[in-house]
Every structure is written in C-alpha cells, then in structure tokens.
Amino acid sequence: VFDNFELDEYNKILADFEPPKYKWGFLTEQGQLAIEDKY
C-alpha cells in the first residue's frame, strides 16, 4: 500500500516491469524445493 508520490512511482515500476517466463525459488542440497519458485 502506497500513497502520494510513492504510489506514482509504484505505478511506473509496474508499467515498465516484464515478469520472467520462469520464476525463481530455492533448492536444498538434497534436491528439494525449499522455497517455491514463485519470485
């Protein structure tokens, strides 16, 4: 949640943002997803 100037900046960032096709997560040493690839 933003207001005033920061809200305008937030909208600028969203307008220019291009999400990656493949998301990022974290892998354990055992090869399991410790944190879902959603970032």
All heavy atoms as atom14 arrays in JSON, in Angstrom:
{
  "sequence": "VFDNFELDEYNKILADFEPPKYKWGFLTEQGQLAIEDKY",
  "atom14_mask": [
    [1, 1, 1, 1, 1, 1, 1, 0, 0, 0, 0, 0, 0, 0],
    [1, 1, 1, 1, 1, 1, 1, 1, 1, 1, 1, 0, 0, 0],
    [1, 1, 1, 1, 1, 1, 1, 1, 0, 0, 0, 0, 0, 0],
    [1, 1, 1, 1, 1, 1, 1, 1, 0, 0, 0, 0, 0, 0],
    [1, 1, 1, 1, 1, 1, 1, 1, 1, 1, 1, 0, 0, 0],
    [1, 1, 1, 1, 1, 1, 1, 1, 1, 0, 0, 0, 0, 0],
    [1, 1, 1, 1, 1, 1, 1, 1, 0, 0, 0, 0, 0, 0],
    [1, 1, 1, 1, 1, 1, 1, 1, 0, 0, 0, 0, 0, 0],
    [1, 1, 1, 1, 1, 1, 1, 1, 1, 0, 0, 0, 0, 0],
    [1, 1, 1, 1, 1, 1, 1, 1, 1, 1, 1, 1, 0, 0],
    [1, 1, 1, 1, 1, 1, 1, 1, 0, 0, 0, 0, 0, 0],
    [1, 1, 1, 1, 1, 1, 1, 1, 1, 0, 0, 0, 0, 0],
    [1, 1, 1, 1, 1, 1, 1, 1, 0, 0, 0, 0, 0, 0],
    [1, 1, 1, 1, 1, 1, 1, 1, 0, 0, 0, 0, 0, 0],
    [1, 1, 1, 1, 1, 0, 0, 0, 0, 0, 0, 0, 0, 0],
    [1, 1, 1, 1, 1, 1, 1, 1, 0, 0, 0, 0, 0, 0],
    [1, 1, 1, 1, 1, 1, 1, 1, 1, 1, 1, 0, 0, 0],
    [1, 1, 1, 1, 1, 1, 1, 1, 1, 0, 0, 0, 0, 0],
    [1, 1, 1, 1, 1, 1, 1, 0, 0, 0, 0, 0, 0, 0],
    [1, 1, 1, 1, 1, 1, 1, 0, 0, 0, 0, 0, 0, 0],
    [1, 1, 1, 1, 1, 1, 1, 1, 1, 0, 0, 0, 0, 0],
    [1, 1, 1, 1, 1, 1, 1, 1, 1, 1, 1, 1, 0, 0],
    [1, 1, 1, 1, 1, 1, 1, 1, 1, 0, 0, 0, 0, 0],
    [1, 1, 1, 1, 1, 1, 1, 1, 1, 1, 1, 1, 1, 1],
    [1, 1, 1, 1, 0, 0, 0, 0, 0, 0, 0, 0, 0, 0],
    [1, 1, 1, 1, 1, 1, 1, 1, 1, 1, 1, 0, 0, 0],
    [1, 1, 1, 1, 1, 1, 1, 1, 0, 0, 0, 0, 0, 0],
    [1, 1, 1, 1, 1, 1, 1, 0, 0, 0, 0, 0, 0, 0],
    [1, 1, 1, 1, 1, 1, 1, 1, 1, 0, 0, 0, 0, 0],
    [1, 1, 1, 1, 1, 1, 1, 1, 1, 0, 0, 0, 0, 0],
    [1, 1, 1, 1, 0, 0, 0, 0, 0, 0, 0, 0, 0, 0],
    [1, 1, 1, 1, 1, 1, 1, 1, 1, 0, 0, 0, 0, 0],
    [1, 1, 1, 1, 1, 1, 1, 1, 0, 0, 0, 0, 0, 0],
    [1, 1, 1, 1, 1, 0, 0, 0, 0, 0, 0, 0, 0, 0],
    [1, 1, 1, 1, 1, 1, 1, 1, 0, 0, 0, 0, 0, 0],
    [1, 1, 1, 1, 1, 1, 1, 1, 1, 0, 0, 0, 0, 0],
    [1, 1, 1, 1, 1, 1, 1, 1, 0, 0, 0, 0, 0, 0],
    [1, 1, 1, 1, 1, 1, 1, 1, 1, 0, 0, 0, 0, 0],
    [1, 1, 1, 1, 1, 1, 1, 1, 1, 1, 1, 1, 0, 0]
  ],
  "atom14_positions": [
    [[0.86, -1.18, 0.0], [0.0, 0.0, 0.0], [0.89, 1.23, 0.0], [1.79, 1.37, 0.84], [-0.92, 0.03, 1.24], [-1.75, 1.31, 1.26], [-1.83, -1.2, 1.23], [0.0, 0.0, 0.0], [0.0, 0.0, 0.0], [0.0, 0.0, 0.0], [0.0, 0.0, 0.0], [0.0, 0.0, 0.0], [0.0, 0.0, 0.0], [0.0, 0.0, 0.0]],
    [[0.67, 2.12, -0.95], [1.44, 3.35, -1.06], [0.49, 4.54, -1.16], [-0.69, 4.37, -1.46], [2.34, 3.33, -2.31], [3.35, 2.22, -2.33], [3.17, 1.12, -3.15], [4.46, 2.27, -1.51], [4.1, 0.09, -3.17], [5.4, 1.24, -1.53], [5.22, 0.15, -2.35], [0.0, 0.0, 0.0], [0.0, 0.0, 0.0], [0.0, 0.0, 0.0]],
    [[1.04, 5.71, -0.95], [0.24, 6.91, -1.18], [1.1, 7.98, -1.82], [2.33, 7.89, -1.83], [-0.38, 7.42, 0.13], [0.65, 7.64, 1.22], [1.82, 7.88, 0.91], [0.26, 7.57, 2.41], [0.0, 0.0, 0.0], [0.0, 0.0, 0.0], [0.0, 0.0, 0.0], [0.0, 0.0, 0.0], [0.0, 0.0, 0.0], [0.0, 0.0, 0.0]],
    [[0.44, 8.98, -2.37], [1.08, 10.17, -2.93], [2.2, 9.82, -3.9], [2.0, 9.05, -4.83], [1.58, 11.07, -1.79], [0.45, 11.49, -0.88], [-0.68, 11.65, -1.32], [0.74, 11.64, 0.41], [0.0, 0.0, 0.0], [0.0, 0.0, 0.0], [0.0, 0.0, 0.0], [0.0, 0.0, 0.0], [0.0, 0.0, 0.0], [0.0, 0.0, 0.0]],
    [[3.38, 10.39, -3.68], [4.49, 10.22, -4.62], [4.86, 8.75, -4.81], [5.1, 8.31, -5.93], [5.71, 11.0, -4.11], [6.97, 10.73, -4.9], [7.18, 11.37, -6.11], [7.92, 9.83, -4.45], [8.33, 11.12, -6.85], [9.07, 9.58, -5.18], [9.27, 10.23, -6.38], [0.0, 0.0, 0.0], [0.0, 0.0, 0.0], [0.0, 0.0, 0.0]],
    [[4.91, 7.97, -3.73], [5.32, 6.57, -3.84], [4.32, 5.76, -4.66], [4.71, 4.83, -5.37], [5.51, 5.96, -2.45], [6.77, 6.46, -1.75], [7.24, 5.53, -0.66], [6.38, 4.86, -0.04], [8.46, 5.46, -0.42], [0.0, 0.0, 0.0], [0.0, 0.0, 0.0], [0.0, 0.0, 0.0], [0.0, 0.0, 0.0], [0.0, 0.0, 0.0]],
    [[3.05, 6.09, -4.6], [2.06, 5.4, -5.42], [2.33, 5.64, -6.9], [2.25, 4.73, -7.72], [0.65, 5.85, -5.05], [-0.49, 5.19, -5.83], [-0.46, 3.67, -5.65], [-1.84, 5.76, -5.4], [0.0, 0.0, 0.0], [0.0, 0.0, 0.0], [0.0, 0.0, 0.0], [0.0, 0.0, 0.0], [0.0, 0.0, 0.0], [0.0, 0.0, 0.0]],
    [[2.67, 6.88, -7.25], [3.01, 7.19, -8.64], [4.23, 6.39, -9.08], [4.27, 5.86, -10.19], [3.28, 8.69, -8.8], [2.02, 9.53, -8.64], [0.91, 8.97, -8.81], [2.15, 10.74, -8.33], [0.0, 0.0, 0.0], [0.0, 0.0, 0.0], [0.0, 0.0, 0.0], [0.0, 0.0, 0.0], [0.0, 0.0, 0.0], [0.0, 0.0, 0.0]],
    [[5.24, 6.31, -8.22], [6.44, 5.56, -8.55], [6.14, 4.07, -8.7], [6.68, 3.39, -9.58], [7.51, 5.77, -7.46], [8.11, 7.16, -7.46], [8.84, 7.47, -8.76], [9.8, 6.74, -9.1], [8.42, 8.42, -9.46], [0.0, 0.0, 0.0], [0.0, 0.0, 0.0], [0.0, 0.0, 0.0], [0.0, 0.0, 0.0], [0.0, 0.0, 0.0]],
    [[5.3, 3.54, -7.82], [4.89, 2.14, -7.89], [4.22, 1.84, -9.23], [4.53, 0.84, -9.9], [3.96, 1.84, -6.72], [3.43, 0.43, -6.66], [4.28, -0.67, -6.79], [2.08, 0.19, -6.45], [3.8, -1.96, -6.72], [1.59, -1.11, -6.37], [2.46, -2.19, -6.51], [1.97, -3.46, -6.43], [0.0, 0.0, 0.0], [0.0, 0.0, 0.0]],
    [[3.33, 2.71, -9.66], [2.65, 2.5, -10.94], [3.63, 2.57, -12.11], [3.47, 1.84, -13.1], [1.54, 3.53, -11.11], [0.37, 3.27, -10.18], [0.11, 2.13, -9.8], [-0.35, 4.32, -9.8], [0.0, 0.0, 0.0], [0.0, 0.0, 0.0], [0.0, 0.0, 0.0], [0.0, 0.0, 0.0], [0.0, 0.0, 0.0], [0.0, 0.0, 0.0]],
    [[4.64, 3.43, -12.02], [5.66, 3.5, -13.08], [6.44, 2.18, -13.16], [6.73, 1.66, -14.24], [6.62, 4.66, -12.81], [6.02, 6.04, -13.01], [7.03, 7.11, -12.65], [6.43, 8.5, -12.72], [7.41, 9.55, -12.29], [0.0, 0.0, 0.0], [0.0, 0.0, 0.0], [0.0, 0.0, 0.0], [0.0, 0.0, 0.0], [0.0, 0.0, 0.0]],
    [[6.8, 1.63, -11.99], [7.54, 0.38, -11.96], [6.7, -0.75, -12.54], [7.18, -1.55, -13.35], [7.99, 0.05, -10.51], [9.08, 1.03, -10.08], [8.49, -1.39, -10.4], [9.45, 0.95, -8.62], [0.0, 0.0, 0.0], [0.0, 0.0, 0.0], [0.0, 0.0, 0.0], [0.0, 0.0, 0.0], [0.0, 0.0, 0.0], [0.0, 0.0, 0.0]],
    [[5.43, -0.8, -12.16], [4.55, -1.84, -12.7], [4.39, -1.71, -14.21], [4.36, -2.72, -14.93], [3.18, -1.75, -12.03], [3.06, -2.31, -10.61], [1.66, -2.06, -10.08], [3.39, -3.8, -10.58], [0.0, 0.0, 0.0], [0.0, 0.0, 0.0], [0.0, 0.0, 0.0], [0.0, 0.0, 0.0], [0.0, 0.0, 0.0], [0.0, 0.0, 0.0]],
    [[4.27, -0.49, -14.7], [4.07, -0.27, -16.13], [5.26, -0.74, -16.95], [5.11, -1.23, -18.07], [3.8, 1.21, -16.39], [0.0, 0.0, 0.0], [0.0, 0.0, 0.0], [0.0, 0.0, 0.0], [0.0, 0.0, 0.0], [0.0, 0.0, 0.0], [0.0, 0.0, 0.0], [0.0, 0.0, 0.0], [0.0, 0.0, 0.0], [0.0, 0.0, 0.0]],
    [[6.47, -0.61, -16.38], [7.69, -0.99, -17.1], [8.13, -2.42, -16.82], [9.02, -2.95, -17.49], [8.84, -0.05, -16.72], [8.62, 1.37, -17.25], [7.87, 1.51, -18.22], [9.19, 2.3, -16.68], [0.0, 0.0, 0.0], [0.0, 0.0, 0.0], [0.0, 0.0, 0.0], [0.0, 0.0, 0.0], [0.0, 0.0, 0.0], [0.0, 0.0, 0.0]],
    [[7.52, -3.06, -15.84], [8.01, -4.36, -15.4], [7.63, -5.47, -16.37], [6.48, -5.56, -16.82], [7.46, -4.69, -14.01], [8.0, -5.97, -13.45], [9.3, -6.05, -13.0], [7.21, -7.11, -13.41], [9.81, -7.23, -12.49], [7.7, -8.3, -12.9], [9.02, -8.36, -12.44], [0.0, 0.0, 0.0], [0.0, 0.0, 0.0], [0.0, 0.0, 0.0]],
    [[8.6, -6.33, -16.69], [8.36, -7.51, -17.51], [8.7, -8.75, -16.69], [9.87, -9.03, -16.46], [9.2, -7.47, -18.78], [8.86, -6.33, -19.74], [9.66, -6.39, -21.03], [10.31, -7.43, -21.26], [9.63, -5.41, -21.78], [0.0, 0.0, 0.0], [0.0, 0.0, 0.0], [0.0, 0.0, 0.0], [0.0, 0.0, 0.0], [0.0, 0.0, 0.0]],
    [[7.7, -9.48, -16.21], [7.98, -10.65, -15.38], [8.71, -11.73, -16.17], [8.47, -11.9, -17.37], [6.58, -11.12, -14.95], [5.66, -10.59, -15.99], [6.26, -9.29, -16.45], [0.0, 0.0, 0.0], [0.0, 0.0, 0.0], [0.0, 0.0, 0.0], [0.0, 0.0, 0.0], [0.0, 0.0, 0.0], [0.0, 0.0, 0.0], [0.0, 0.0, 0.0]],
    [[9.64, -12.44, -15.53], [10.36, -13.51, -16.24], [9.43, -14.67, -16.56], [8.45, -14.92, -15.84], [11.43, -13.93, -15.22], [10.84, -13.59, -13.89], [10.04, -12.33, -14.11], [0.0, 0.0, 0.0], [0.0, 0.0, 0.0], [0.0, 0.0, 0.0], [0.0, 0.0, 0.0], [0.0, 0.0, 0.0], [0.0, 0.0, 0.0], [0.0, 0.0, 0.0]],
    [[9.73, -15.37, -17.62], [8.92, -16.52, -18.01], [9.01, -17.62, -16.96], [8.02, -18.31, -16.67], [9.37, -17.04, -19.37], [8.55, -18.21, -19.89], [9.0, -18.63, -21.29], [8.17, -19.81, -21.78], [8.59, -20.23, -23.14], [0.0, 0.0, 0.0], [0.0, 0.0, 0.0], [0.0, 0.0, 0.0], [0.0, 0.0, 0.0], [0.0, 0.0, 0.0]],
    [[10.21, -17.79, -16.4], [10.42, -18.82, -15.39], [10.75, -18.14, -14.06], [11.62, -17.28, -13.99], [11.56, -19.76, -15.8], [11.31, -20.43, -17.13], [11.95, -20.0, -18.29], [10.41, -21.49, -17.23], [11.71, -20.61, -19.51], [10.16, -22.11, -18.45], [10.81, -21.66, -19.58], [10.57, -22.26, -20.79], [0.0, 0.0, 0.0], [0.0, 0.0, 0.0]],
    [[10.07, -18.56, -13.01], [10.22, -17.94, -11.71], [11.39, -18.55, -10.94], [11.9, -19.63, -11.27], [8.93, -18.09, -10.89], [7.71, -17.47, -11.55], [7.8, -15.96, -11.61], [6.5, -15.35, -12.11], [6.53, -13.89, -12.14], [0.0, 0.0, 0.0], [0.0, 0.0, 0.0], [0.0, 0.0, 0.0], [0.0, 0.0, 0.0], [0.0, 0.0, 0.0]],
    [[11.78, -17.86, -9.86], [12.91, -18.27, -9.03], [12.42, -18.86, -7.7], [11.45, -18.4, -7.12], [13.8, -17.08, -8.73], [14.6, -16.6, -9.89], [14.2, -15.73, -10.87], [15.94, -16.97, -10.22], [15.2, -15.52, -11.77], [16.29, -16.27, -11.41], [16.89, -17.81, -9.64], [17.54, -16.39, -12.0], [18.13, -17.92, -10.23], [18.45, -17.23, -11.4]],
    [[13.15, -19.89, -7.24], [12.94, -20.46, -5.92], [14.27, -20.92, -5.35], [15.33, -20.61, -5.89], [0.0, 0.0, 0.0], [0.0, 0.0, 0.0], [0.0, 0.0, 0.0], [0.0, 0.0, 0.0], [0.0, 0.0, 0.0], [0.0, 0.0, 0.0], [0.0, 0.0, 0.0], [0.0, 0.0, 0.0], [0.0, 0.0, 0.0], [0.0, 0.0, 0.0]],
    [[14.21, -21.68, -4.25], [15.44, -22.17, -3.61], [15.43, -23.69, -3.52], [14.41, -24.32, -3.19], [15.58, -21.59, -2.19], [16.14, -20.2, -2.18], [15.3, -19.11, -2.02], [17.5, -19.98, -2.33], [15.81, -17.82, -2.01], [18.02, -18.7, -2.31], [17.17, -17.61, -2.16], [0.0, 0.0, 0.0], [0.0, 0.0, 0.0], [0.0, 0.0, 0.0]],
    [[16.59, -24.29, -3.8], [16.79, -25.73, -3.83], [17.65, -26.15, -2.65], [18.67, -25.52, -2.36], [17.47, -26.13, -5.14], [17.55, -27.61, -5.5], [16.17, -28.13, -5.91], [18.54, -27.81, -6.65], [0.0, 0.0, 0.0], [0.0, 0.0, 0.0], [0.0, 0.0, 0.0], [0.0, 0.0, 0.0], [0.0, 0.0, 0.0], [0.0, 0.0, 0.0]],
    [[17.26, -27.24, -1.95], [18.09, -27.78, -0.88], [19.24, -28.58, -1.48], [19.25, -28.91, -2.67], [17.28, -28.7, 0.04], [16.91, -29.87, -0.69], [16.03, -27.99, 0.57], [0.0, 0.0, 0.0], [0.0, 0.0, 0.0], [0.0, 0.0, 0.0], [0.0, 0.0, 0.0], [0.0, 0.0, 0.0], [0.0, 0.0, 0.0], [0.0, 0.0, 0.0]],
    [[20.19, -28.96, -0.63], [21.29, -29.8, -1.09], [20.81, -31.19, -1.48], [21.49, -31.9, -2.22], [22.37, -29.87, -0.01], [23.06, -28.54, 0.25], [24.18, -28.64, 1.25], [24.62, -29.78, 1.55], [24.63, -27.6, 1.74], [0.0, 0.0, 0.0], [0.0, 0.0, 0.0], [0.0, 0.0, 0.0], [0.0, 0.0, 0.0], [0.0, 0.0, 0.0]],
    [[19.64, -31.58, -0.97], [19.07, -32.87, -1.33], [18.24, -32.82, -2.62], [17.72, -33.84, -3.06], [18.19, -33.38, -0.18], [18.95, -33.74, 1.09], [19.46, -32.52, 1.84], [18.75, -31.5, 1.91], [20.67, -32.6, 2.38], [0.0, 0.0, 0.0], [0.0, 0.0, 0.0], [0.0, 0.0, 0.0], [0.0, 0.0, 0.0], [0.0, 0.0, 0.0]],
    [[18.12, -31.63, -3.21], [17.42, -31.51, -4.48], [15.95, -31.22, -4.37], [15.22, -31.35, -5.36], [0.0, 0.0, 0.0], [0.0, 0.0, 0.0], [0.0, 0.0, 0.0], [0.0, 0.0, 0.0], [0.0, 0.0, 0.0], [0.0, 0.0, 0.0], [0.0, 0.0, 0.0], [0.0, 0.0, 0.0], [0.0, 0.0, 0.0], [0.0, 0.0, 0.0]],
    [[15.49, -30.81, -3.19], [14.08, -30.49, -3.0], [13.88, -28.98, -3.02], [14.77, -28.22, -2.62], [13.59, -31.07, -1.67], [13.73, -32.57, -1.57], [13.56, -33.08, -0.15], [13.82, -32.37, 0.81], [13.11, -34.32, -0.03], [0.0, 0.0, 0.0], [0.0, 0.0, 0.0], [0.0, 0.0, 0.0], [0.0, 0.0, 0.0], [0.0, 0.0, 0.0]],
    [[12.71, -28.57, -3.48], [12.38, -27.15, -3.45], [12.06, -26.73, -2.02], [11.03, -27.13, -1.46], [11.19, -26.85, -4.35], [11.47, -26.47, -5.81], [10.17, -26.24, -6.54], [12.36, -25.23, -5.89], [0.0, 0.0, 0.0], [0.0, 0.0, 0.0], [0.0, 0.0, 0.0], [0.0, 0.0, 0.0], [0.0, 0.0, 0.0], [0.0, 0.0, 0.0]],
    [[12.95, -25.96, -1.42], [12.73, -25.48, -0.05], [11.78, -24.3, -0.07], [10.98, -24.12, 0.85], [14.05, -25.08, 0.59], [0.0, 0.0, 0.0], [0.0, 0.0, 0.0], [0.0, 0.0, 0.0], [0.0, 0.0, 0.0], [0.0, 0.0, 0.0], [0.0, 0.0, 0.0], [0.0, 0.0, 0.0], [0.0, 0.0, 0.0], [0.0, 0.0, 0.0]],
    [[11.87, -23.49, -1.1], [11.01, -22.32, -1.27], [10.51, -22.34, -2.71], [11.29, -22.41, -3.65], [11.75, -21.02, -0.96], [12.18, -20.99, 0.52], [10.88, -19.8, -1.27], [13.02, -19.8, 0.91], [0.0, 0.0, 0.0], [0.0, 0.0, 0.0], [0.0, 0.0, 0.0], [0.0, 0.0, 0.0], [0.0, 0.0, 0.0], [0.0, 0.0, 0.0]],
    [[9.21, -22.31, -2.86], [8.57, -22.44, -4.16], [9.11, -21.43, -5.16], [9.4, -20.28, -4.82], [7.06, -22.26, -3.99], [6.26, -22.42, -5.27], [4.8, -22.11, -5.08], [4.37, -21.93, -3.92], [4.08, -22.04, -6.1], [0.0, 0.0, 0.0], [0.0, 0.0, 0.0], [0.0, 0.0, 0.0], [0.0, 0.0, 0.0], [0.0, 0.0, 0.0]],
    [[9.21, -21.85, -6.41], [9.68, -20.97, -7.48], [8.53, -20.05, -7.91], [7.83, -20.32, -8.87], [10.23, -21.77, -8.66], [9.26, -22.83, -9.15], [8.69, -23.54, -8.32], [9.07, -22.94, -10.37], [0.0, 0.0, 0.0], [0.0, 0.0, 0.0], [0.0, 0.0, 0.0], [0.0, 0.0, 0.0], [0.0, 0.0, 0.0], [0.0, 0.0, 0.0]],
    [[8.39, -18.95, -7.17], [7.3, -18.01, -7.43], [7.78, -16.56, -7.47], [6.96, -15.64, -7.6], [6.23, -18.15, -6.34], [6.71, -17.85, -4.93], [5.6, -18.06, -3.92], [6.06, -17.75, -2.5], [4.97, -17.97, -1.51], [0.0, 0.0, 0.0], [0.0, 0.0, 0.0], [0.0, 0.0, 0.0], [0.0, 0.0, 0.0], [0.0, 0.0, 0.0]],
    [[9.08, -16.36, -7.4], [9.61, -14.99, -7.33], [10.16, -14.54, -8.67], [10.68, -15.34, -9.46], [10.7, -14.91, -6.26], [10.14, -15.1, -4.87], [10.32, -16.3, -4.19], [9.39, -14.1, -4.26], [9.79, -16.49, -2.92], [8.85, -14.27, -3.0], [9.05, -15.47, -2.34], [8.5, -15.66, -1.1], [0.0, 0.0, 0.0], [0.0, 0.0, 0.0]]
  ]
}
